[in-house]
C-alpha atoms as a PDB file:
ATOM      1  CA  MET A   1     116.181 126.116  78.626  1.00  0.00           C
ATOM      2  CA  THR A   2     113.471 126.528  81.243  1.00  0.00           C
ATOM      3  CA  GLU A   3     113.689 125.627  84.889  1.00  0.00           C
ATOM      4  CA  GLN A   4     110.985 123.019  84.367  1.00  0.00           C
ATOM      5  CA  TYR A   5     113.188 121.398  81.730  1.00  0.00           C
ATOM      6  CA  PHE A   6     115.578 120.442  84.479  1.00  0.00           C
ATOM      7  CA  GLY A   7     112.830 119.371  86.827  1.00  0.00           C
ATOM      8  CA  LYS A   8     113.239 122.371  89.100  1.00  0.00           C
ATOM      9  CA  ALA A   9     109.496 122.912  88.997  1.00  0.00           C
ATOM     10  CA  TYR A  10     109.336 119.758  91.150  1.00  0.00           C
ATOM     11  CA  SER A  11     112.142 120.657  93.541  1.00  0.00           C
ATOM     12  CA  GLY A  12     111.387 121.290  97.189  1.00  0.00           C
ATOM     13  CA  ASN A  13     110.337 118.830  99.861  1.00  0.00           C
ATOM     14  CA  PRO A  14     110.919 115.201  98.708  1.00  0.00           C
ATOM     15  CA  PRO A  15     108.351 113.674 101.123  1.00  0.00           C
ATOM     16  CA  ALA A  16     105.703 116.147  99.929  1.00  0.00           C
ATOM     17  CA  ASN A  17     106.617 115.346  96.327  1.00  0.00           C
ATOM     18  CA  TYR A  18     106.425 111.627  97.152  1.00  0.00           C
ATOM     19  CA  GLU A  19     102.838 112.043  98.313  1.00  0.00           C
ATOM     20  CA  ARG A  20     101.943 114.336  95.413  1.00  0.00           C
ATOM     21  CA  PHE A  21     103.541 112.410  92.543  1.00  0.00           C
ATOM     22  CA  PHE A  22     104.782 108.922  93.491  1.00  0.00           C
ATOM     23  CA  VAL A  23     101.768 107.828  95.517  1.00  0.00           C
ATOM     24  CA  PRO A  24      99.107 108.444  92.817  1.00  0.00           C
ATOM     25  CA  ALA A  25     101.210 106.885  90.041  1.00  0.00           C
ATOM     26  CA  ILE A  26     102.713 103.868  91.839  1.00  0.00           C
ATOM     27  CA  GLY A  27     102.105 103.777  95.586  1.00  0.00           C
ATOM     28  CA  ALA A  28      98.307 103.876  95.617  1.00  0.00           C
ATOM     29  CA  PRO A  29      97.673 101.189  92.950  1.00  0.00           C
ATOM     30  CA  LEU A  30     100.029  98.778  94.715  1.00  0.00           C
ATOM     31  CA  ALA A  31      98.589  99.676  98.124  1.00  0.00           C
ATOM     32  CA  THR A  32      95.091  98.910  96.875  1.00  0.00           C
ATOM     33  CA  ASP A  33      96.247  95.440  95.833  1.00  0.00           C
ATOM     34  CA  LEU A  34      98.019  94.900  99.162  1.00  0.00           C
ATOM     35  CA  ILE A  35      94.948  95.901 101.176  1.00  0.00           C
ATOM     36  CA  HIS A  36      92.743  93.627  99.061  1.00  0.00           C
ATOM     37  CA  LEU A  37      95.021  90.688  99.832  1.00  0.00           C
ATOM     38  CA  ALA A  38      95.080  91.561 103.531  1.00  0.00           C
ATOM     39  CA  ALA A  39      91.266  91.204 103.729  1.00  0.00           C
ATOM     40  CA  LEU A  40      91.129  93.424 106.791  1.00  0.00           C
ATOM     41  CA  ARG A  41      88.097  93.151 109.044  1.00  0.00           C
ATOM     42  CA  PRO A  42      86.347  95.789 111.138  1.00  0.00           C
ATOM     43  CA  GLY A  43      87.925  96.085 114.553  1.00  0.00           C
ATOM     44  CA  GLU A  44      91.341  94.697 113.643  1.00  0.00           C
ATOM     45  CA  ARG A  45      94.558  96.289 114.884  1.00  0.00           C
ATOM     46  CA  VAL A  46      96.932  97.068 112.004  1.00  0.00           C
ATOM     47  CA  LEU A  47     100.571  98.166 111.869  1.00  0.00           C
ATOM     48  CA  ASP A  48     101.982  99.648 108.663  1.00  0.00           C
ATOM     49  CA  VAL A  49     105.788  99.310 108.790  1.00  0.00           C
ATOM     50  CA  ALA A  50     107.890 101.724 106.697  1.00  0.00           C
ATOM     51  CA  CYS A  51     104.641 103.579 106.122  1.00  0.00           C
ATOM     52  CA  GLY A  52     106.119 106.515 104.195  1.00  0.00           C
ATOM     53  CA  THR A  53     103.457 109.153 103.679  1.00  0.00           C
ATOM     54  CA  GLY A  54     100.759 106.735 104.803  1.00  0.00           C
ATOM     55  CA  VAL A  55      98.798 105.537 101.792  1.00  0.00           C
ATOM     56  CA  VAL A  56      98.598 101.943 103.079  1.00  0.00           C
ATOM     57  CA  ALA A  57      97.673 103.064 106.589  1.00  0.00           C
ATOM     58  CA  ARG A  58      94.878 105.298 105.301  1.00  0.00           C
ATOM     59  CA  LEU A  59      93.395 102.501 103.207  1.00  0.00           C
ATOM     60  CA  ALA A  60      93.686 100.140 106.169  1.00  0.00           C
ATOM     61  CA  SER A  61      91.886 102.605 108.415  1.00  0.00           C
ATOM     62  CA  GLN A  62      88.959 102.676 106.002  1.00  0.00           C
ATOM     63  CA  GLN A  63      88.714  98.887 106.249  1.00  0.00           C
ATOM     64  CA  VAL A  64      89.004  98.410 110.007  1.00  0.00           C
ATOM     65  CA  GLY A  65      86.662 101.293 110.796  1.00  0.00           C
ATOM     66  CA  ALA A  66      86.060 103.111 114.037  1.00  0.00           C
ATOM     67  CA  THR A  67      86.425  99.966 116.135  1.00  0.00           C
ATOM     68  CA  GLY A  68      89.855  99.151 114.685  1.00  0.00           C
ATOM     69  CA  THR A  69      93.222 100.813 115.184  1.00  0.00           C
ATOM     70  CA  VAL A  70      95.997 101.663 112.741  1.00  0.00           C
ATOM     71  CA  VAL A  71      99.583 102.636 113.517  1.00  0.00           C
ATOM     72  CA  GLY A  72     102.017 103.824 110.857  1.00  0.00           C
ATOM     73  CA  ALA A  73     105.726 103.538 111.666  1.00  0.00           C
ATOM     74  CA  ASP A  74     108.594 105.029 109.675  1.00  0.00           C
ATOM     75  CA  ILE A  75     112.179 106.046 110.361  1.00  0.00           C
ATOM     76  CA  ASN A  76     111.870 109.251 108.301  1.00  0.00           C
ATOM     77  CA  PRO A  77     110.297 112.151 110.249  1.00  0.00           C
ATOM     78  CA  GLY A  78     109.718 114.090 107.024  1.00  0.00           C
ATOM     79  CA  MET A  79     107.590 111.285 105.627  1.00  0.00           C
ATOM     80  CA  LEU A  80     105.601 111.122 108.858  1.00  0.00           C
ATOM     81  CA  ALA A  81     104.982 114.875 108.821  1.00  0.00           C
ATOM     82  CA  VAL A  82     103.421 114.555 105.360  1.00  0.00           C
ATOM     83  CA  ALA A  83     101.488 111.457 106.479  1.00  0.00           C
ATOM     84  CA  ARG A  84      99.928 113.455 109.313  1.00  0.00           C
ATOM     85  CA  SER A  85      98.988 116.330 107.035  1.00  0.00           C
ATOM     86  CA  ALA A  86      97.550 113.991 104.381  1.00  0.00           C
ATOM     87  CA  THR A  87      95.301 112.128 106.811  1.00  0.00           C
ATOM     88  CA  PRO A  88      91.668 113.246 106.659  1.00  0.00           C
ATOM     89  CA  PRO A  89      90.230 114.770 109.844  1.00  0.00           C
ATOM     90  CA  GLY A  90      88.605 112.125 111.992  1.00  0.00           C
ATOM     91  CA  MET A  91      90.761 109.241 110.669  1.00  0.00           C
ATOM     92  CA  PRO A  92      92.433 108.011 113.877  1.00  0.00           C
ATOM     93  CA  ILE A  93      95.868 106.835 112.714  1.00  0.00           C
ATOM     94  CA  GLU A  94      98.776 106.952 115.143  1.00  0.00           C
ATOM     95  CA  TRP A  95     102.117 107.853 113.526  1.00  0.00           C
ATOM     96  CA  ARG A  96     105.326 106.629 115.183  1.00  0.00           C
ATOM     97  CA  GLU A  97     108.922 107.460 114.269  1.00  0.00           C
ATOM     98  CA  ALA A  98     110.739 104.145 114.542  1.00  0.00           C
ATOM     99  CA  SER A  99     113.254 101.865 112.897  1.00  0.00           C
ATOM    100  CA  ALA A 100     111.707  98.642 111.659  1.00  0.00           C
ATOM    101  CA  GLU A 101     114.433  96.714 113.471  1.00  0.00           C
ATOM    102  CA  ALA A 102     113.515  98.166 116.871  1.00  0.00           C
ATOM    103  CA  MET A 103     109.935  99.346 117.179  1.00  0.00           C
ATOM    104  CA  PRO A 104     108.791 100.823 120.522  1.00  0.00           C
ATOM    105  CA  LEU A 105     105.572  98.828 120.454  1.00  0.00           C
ATOM    106  CA  PRO A 106     104.254  96.147 122.836  1.00  0.00           C
ATOM    107  CA  ASP A 107     104.437  92.434 122.116  1.00  0.00           C
ATOM    108  CA  ALA A 108     101.371  90.837 120.520  1.00  0.00           C
ATOM    109  CA  SER A 109      99.602  94.164 120.007  1.00  0.00           C
ATOM    110  CA  PHE A 110      98.515  93.835 116.352  1.00  0.00           C
ATOM    111  CA  ASP A 111      96.378  91.458 114.338  1.00  0.00           C
ATOM    112  CA  VAL A 112      97.948  92.411 110.997  1.00  0.00           C
ATOM    113  CA  VAL A 113     101.330  93.838 109.957  1.00  0.00           C
ATOM    114  CA  LEU A 114     101.633  95.394 106.505  1.00  0.00           C
ATOM    115  CA  CYS A 115     104.778  96.571 104.726  1.00  0.00           C
ATOM    116  CA  GLN A 116     104.763  98.045 101.225  1.00  0.00           C
ATOM    117  CA  MET A 117     108.033  98.270  99.265  1.00  0.00           C
ATOM    118  CA  GLY A 118     110.067  98.641 102.442  1.00  0.00           C
ATOM    119  CA  LEU A 119     111.822  95.398 103.352  1.00  0.00           C
ATOM    120  CA  GLN A 120     114.512  95.798 100.671  1.00  0.00           C
ATOM    121  CA  PHE A 121     115.697  99.030 102.314  1.00  0.00           C
ATOM    122  CA  MET A 122     116.038  97.597 105.826  1.00  0.00           C
ATOM    123  CA  PRO A 123     119.687  97.029 106.768  1.00  0.00           C
ATOM    124  CA  ASP A 124     118.889  94.008 108.966  1.00  0.00           C
ATOM    125  CA  LYS A 125     115.966  92.271 107.285  1.00  0.00           C
ATOM    126  CA  HIS A 126     115.955  89.359 109.729  1.00  0.00           C
ATOM    127  CA  ALA A 127     115.749  91.694 112.716  1.00  0.00           C
ATOM    128  CA  ALA A 128     112.970  93.694 111.049  1.00  0.00           C
ATOM    129  CA  LEU A 129     110.921  90.582 110.308  1.00  0.00           C
ATOM    130  CA  CYS A 130     111.457  89.316 113.860  1.00  0.00           C
ATOM    131  CA  GLU A 131     110.128  92.649 115.148  1.00  0.00           C
ATOM    132  CA  MET A 132     107.076  92.342 112.898  1.00  0.00           C
ATOM    133  CA  ARG A 133     106.459  88.874 114.301  1.00  0.00           C
ATOM    134  CA  ARG A 134     107.002  90.065 117.893  1.00  0.00           C
ATOM    135  CA  VAL A 135     104.266  92.691 117.685  1.00  0.00           C
ATOM    136  CA  LEU A 136     101.793  90.271 116.064  1.00  0.00           C
ATOM    137  CA  VAL A 137      99.345  88.199 118.063  1.00  0.00           C
ATOM    138  CA  ARG A 138      99.503  84.433 117.743  1.00  0.00           C
ATOM    139  CA  GLY A 139      97.929  83.639 114.379  1.00  0.00           C
ATOM    140  CA  GLY A 140      98.339  87.251 113.237  1.00  0.00           C
ATOM    141  CA  ARG A 141      98.935  88.009 109.578  1.00  0.00           C
ATOM    142  CA  LEU A 142     101.927  89.498 107.758  1.00  0.00           C
ATOM    143  CA  ILE A 143     101.426  90.891 104.257  1.00  0.00           C
ATOM    144  CA  LEU A 144     104.178  92.677 102.381  1.00  0.00           C
ATOM    145  CA  ASN A 145     105.240  93.447  98.829  1.00  0.00           C
ATOM    146  CA  MET A 146     108.350  94.487  96.920  1.00  0.00           C
ATOM    147  CA  PRO A 147     109.202  95.108  93.254  1.00  0.00           C
ATOM    148  CA  GLY A 148     111.810  93.436  91.104  1.00  0.00           C
ATOM    149  CA  PRO A 149     113.817  92.707  89.162  1.00  0.00           C
ATOM    150  CA  ALA A 150     114.331  96.210  87.801  1.00  0.00           C
ATOM    151  CA  PRO A 151     112.157  96.735  84.715  1.00  0.00           C
ATOM    152  CA  ARG A 152     113.900  98.055  81.626  1.00  0.00           C
ATOM    153  CA  LEU A 153     112.358 101.495  82.148  1.00  0.00           C
ATOM    154  CA  PHE A 154     114.183 101.871  85.464  1.00  0.00           C
ATOM    155  CA  THR A 155     117.361 100.231  84.177  1.00  0.00           C
ATOM    156  CA  ILE A 156     117.529 102.987  81.572  1.00  0.00           C
ATOM    157  CA  MET A 157     117.140 105.602  84.296  1.00  0.00           C
ATOM    158  CA  GLY A 158     119.802 103.967  86.453  1.00  0.00           C
ATOM    159  CA  GLU A 159     122.301 103.754  83.619  1.00  0.00           C
ATOM    160  CA  ALA A 160     121.755 107.413  82.724  1.00  0.00           C
ATOM    161  CA  LEU A 161     122.124 108.455  86.365  1.00  0.00           C
ATOM    162  CA  ALA A 162     125.428 106.572  86.539  1.00  0.00           C
ATOM    163  CA  ARG A 163     126.713 108.380  83.428  1.00  0.00           C
ATOM    164  CA  HIS A 164     125.598 111.888  84.309  1.00  0.00           C
ATOM    165  CA  ILE A 165     125.176 112.065  88.092  1.00  0.00           C
ATOM    166  CA  GLY A 166     127.231 109.276  89.671  1.00  0.00           C
ATOM    167  CA  SER A 167     127.244 105.657  90.757  1.00  0.00           C
ATOM    168  CA  GLU A 168     125.640 106.430  94.128  1.00  0.00           C
ATOM    169  CA  ALA A 169     122.554 107.825  92.427  1.00  0.00           C
ATOM    170  CA  ALA A 170     122.306 104.769  90.212  1.00  0.00           C
ATOM    171  CA  GLY A 171     122.735 102.620  93.308  1.00  0.00           C
ATOM    172  CA  PHE A 172     119.498 103.944  94.773  1.00  0.00           C
ATOM    173  CA  VAL A 173     117.521 102.782  91.723  1.00  0.00           C
ATOM    174  CA  ASN A 174     119.175  99.372  91.961  1.00  0.00           C
ATOM    175  CA  HIS A 175     118.374  99.161  95.675  1.00  0.00           C
ATOM    176  CA  VAL A 176     114.653  99.713  95.031  1.00  0.00           C
ATOM    177  CA  PHE A 177     114.578  96.467  93.036  1.00  0.00           C
ATOM    178  CA  SER A 178     117.170  94.510  95.024  1.00  0.00           C
ATOM    179  CA  LEU A 179     114.943  91.972  96.815  1.00  0.00           C
ATOM    180  CA  TYR A 180     112.796  89.890  94.496  1.00  0.00           C
ATOM    181  CA  ASP A 181     114.049  86.298  94.492  1.00  0.00           C
ATOM    182  CA  THR A 182     111.109  84.278  95.781  1.00  0.00           C
ATOM    183  CA  ALA A 183     113.244  81.570  97.400  1.00  0.00           C
ATOM    184  CA  GLU A 184     115.357  84.164  99.220  1.00  0.00           C
ATOM    185  CA  ILE A 185     112.265  85.983 100.433  1.00  0.00           C
ATOM    186  CA  ARG A 186     110.606  82.771 101.599  1.00  0.00           C
ATOM    187  CA  ASP A 187     113.747  81.873 103.559  1.00  0.00           C
ATOM    188  CA  LEU A 188     113.857  85.331 105.146  1.00  0.00           C
ATOM    189  CA  VAL A 189     110.245  85.198 106.287  1.00  0.00           C
ATOM    190  CA  SER A 190     110.372  81.576 107.439  1.00  0.00           C
ATOM    191  CA  GLY A 191     113.704  82.230 109.154  1.00  0.00           C
ATOM    192  CA  ALA A 192     112.045  84.902 111.288  1.00  0.00           C
ATOM    193  CA  GLY A 193     109.611  82.297 112.617  1.00  0.00           C
ATOM    194  CA  PHE A 194     106.563  82.835 110.409  1.00  0.00           C
ATOM    195  CA  HIS A 195     104.598  79.888 109.059  1.00  0.00           C
ATOM    196  CA  ASP A 196     102.076  79.328 106.258  1.00  0.00           C
ATOM    197  CA  VAL A 197     104.382  81.477 104.117  1.00  0.00           C
ATOM    198  CA  SER A 198     103.067  82.210 100.635  1.00  0.00           C
ATOM    199  CA  VAL A 199     105.253  84.050  98.103  1.00  0.00           C
ATOM    200  CA  GLN A 200     103.587  85.007  94.829  1.00  0.00           C
ATOM    201  CA  SER A 201     104.582  87.278  91.984  1.00  0.00           C
ATOM    202  CA  ASP A 202     102.621  89.014  89.269  1.00  0.00           C
ATOM    203  CA  THR A 203     103.235  91.724  86.693  1.00  0.00           C
ATOM    204  CA  LYS A 204     101.514  95.027  87.312  1.00  0.00           C
ATOM    205  CA  SER A 205     100.825  97.512  84.517  1.00  0.00           C
ATOM    206  CA  LEU A 206     101.013 101.125  85.664  1.00  0.00           C
ATOM    207  CA  HIS A 207     100.285 104.216  83.592  1.00  0.00           C
ATOM    208  CA  LEU A 208     102.659 107.030  84.476  1.00  0.00           C
ATOM    209  CA  PRO A 209     102.968 110.678  83.407  1.00  0.00           C
ATOM    210  CA  PRO A 210     104.852 111.546  80.187  1.00  0.00           C
ATOM    211  CA  PRO A 211     108.603 110.779  80.249  1.00  0.00           C
ATOM    212  CA  GLU A 212     109.966 114.255  80.917  1.00  0.00           C
ATOM    213  CA  GLU A 213     107.467 114.732  83.760  1.00  0.00           C
ATOM    214  CA  PHE A 214     107.850 111.315  85.389  1.00  0.00           C
ATOM    215  CA  LEU A 215     111.658 111.473  85.339  1.00  0.00           C
ATOM    216  CA  TRP A 216     111.799 114.620  87.461  1.00  0.00           C
ATOM    217  CA  GLN A 217     108.781 113.749  89.585  1.00  0.00           C
ATOM    218  CA  TYR A 218     110.472 110.474  90.543  1.00  0.00           C
ATOM    219  CA  VAL A 219     113.861 112.094  91.120  1.00  0.00           C
ATOM    220  CA  HIS A 220     112.438 114.814  93.363  1.00  0.00           C
ATOM    221  CA  SER A 221     110.258 112.349  95.298  1.00  0.00           C
ATOM    222  CA  THR A 222     113.241 110.213  96.363  1.00  0.00           C
ATOM    223  CA  PRO A 223     116.763 110.542  97.805  1.00  0.00           C
ATOM    224  CA  LEU A 224     117.878 111.230  94.228  1.00  0.00           C
ATOM    225  CA  ALA A 225     116.773 114.836  94.808  1.00  0.00           C
ATOM    226  CA  GLY A 226     119.871 115.492  96.888  1.00  0.00           C
ATOM    227  CA  ALA A 227     122.165 114.035  94.244  1.00  0.00           C
ATOM    228  CA  VAL A 228     120.809 116.084  91.331  1.00  0.00           C
ATOM    229  CA  ALA A 229     120.932 119.256  93.417  1.00  0.00           C
ATOM    230  CA  GLN A 230     124.729 119.017  93.354  1.00  0.00           C
ATOM    231  CA  VAL A 231     125.226 118.972  89.574  1.00  0.00           C
ATOM    232  CA  ASP A 232     125.088 121.657  86.900  1.00  0.00           C
ATOM    233  CA  ASP A 233     122.368 122.305  84.357  1.00  0.00           C
ATOM    234  CA  GLY A 234     124.400 120.808  81.536  1.00  0.00           C
ATOM    235  CA  ARG A 235     124.511 117.390  83.191  1.00  0.00           C
ATOM    236  CA  LEU A 236     120.837 117.587  84.127  1.00  0.00           C
ATOM    237  CA  GLY A 237     119.946 118.404  80.536  1.00  0.00           C
ATOM    238  CA  SER A 238     122.014 115.465  79.276  1.00  0.00           C
ATOM    239  CA  LEU A 239     120.344 113.160  81.791  1.00  0.00           C
ATOM    240  CA  GLU A 240     116.894 114.218  80.616  1.00  0.00           C
ATOM    241  CA  ARG A 241     117.724 113.928  76.918  1.00  0.00           C
ATOM    242  CA  ASP A 242     119.135 110.412  77.302  1.00  0.00           C
ATOM    243  CA  VAL A 243     116.320 109.079  79.487  1.00  0.00           C
ATOM    244  CA  VAL A 244     113.454 110.635  77.550  1.00  0.00           C
ATOM    245  CA  ALA A 245     114.839 109.400  74.218  1.00  0.00           C
ATOM    246  CA  GLU A 246     115.165 105.810  75.454  1.00  0.00           C
ATOM    247  CA  TRP A 247     111.807 105.870  77.194  1.00  0.00           C
ATOM    248  CA  GLN A 248     109.944 106.559  73.964  1.00  0.00           C
ATOM    249  CA  GLU A 249     109.456 102.813  73.428  1.00  0.00           C
ATOM    250  CA  PHE A 250     107.309 102.731  76.577  1.00  0.00           C
ATOM    251  CA  VAL A 251     105.084 105.674  75.615  1.00  0.00           C
ATOM    252  CA  LYS A 252     101.464 105.053  74.703  1.00  0.00           C
ATOM    253  CA  GLU A 253      99.175 108.037  74.130  1.00  0.00           C
ATOM    254  CA  ARG A 254     101.747 110.316  75.824  1.00  0.00           C
ATOM    255  CA  ALA A 255     101.800 108.239  79.039  1.00  0.00           C
ATOM    256  CA  LEU A 256     104.632 105.997  80.120  1.00  0.00           C
ATOM    257  CA  VAL A 257     103.479 102.415  80.575  1.00  0.00           C
ATOM    258  CA  LEU A 258     105.438 100.558  83.240  1.00  0.00           C
ATOM    259  CA  GLN A 259     105.330  96.785  83.470  1.00  0.00           C
ATOM    260  CA  VAL A 260     106.766  95.807  86.844  1.00  0.00           C
ATOM    261  CA  ARG A 261     106.905  92.470  88.644  1.00  0.00           C
ATOM    262  CA  ILE A 262     105.578  92.655  92.187  1.00  0.00           C
ATOM    263  CA  VAL A 263     106.338  89.972  94.752  1.00  0.00           C
ATOM    264  CA  VAL A 264     103.665  89.632  97.435  1.00  0.00           C
ATOM    265  CA  VAL A 265     104.163  87.697 100.663  1.00  0.00           C
ATOM    266  CA  SER A 266     101.595  86.537 103.168  1.00  0.00           C
ATOM    267  CA  ALA A 267     102.359  84.586 106.335  1.00  0.00           C
ATOM    268  CA  ARG A 268     101.091  83.866 109.849  1.00  0.00           C
ATOM    269  CA  ASN A 269     102.688  84.182 113.235  1.00  0.00           C
END
């Protein structure tokens, strides 16, 4: 069996893999939708919370232009390092290492706060949303999204991870899709003091790489990379065989087709 069979061709730096593999397949299409909804205007000041490797911030910078400002904040310094390296020369984005619950940013300093697929990971969601409201001007806009419930494609992955790697690995997959109830989300956002809260959901169709490629690209782009690094080749081979076999129902012309529900929230301060 080859090293690539076990995904070792994708091993290395998870944040770099995230930018290389996850962003083109999933992050960028959803970011494009989020930016469209935000309807950013030239000159606006934008904060991207839990910015990861910066795809939302880069798209926002294109919209607000030279007269606008964009700040990307993330708690993970590795993600921010990749964000800096992935930003084209001359695109003036400021990158800040910060927890969403306590951002070292002035009150009322942004016109728009964006957050893509991040709120579900924040330990204190109320505190994070209150911080987003604090840094917004009066009348400023909040736009965020999150996926869920877990589509069958990811349920299959999670179940296989539980069998072959461990419950903690499966727990990460579950956490990704843990915040999707529209009433709960509306209460969270309203409870932080936002008004004109709109919570919508739609199903997004995403075309992913072939099963054996996407499995390992996803694993090595996320915290799952650390978990699989601790197990032997036999368990990795079993994981791949199980997942790839069950994913065949989602394959169309060699690509995996993912149907995922995306909840999108917009609100005003």
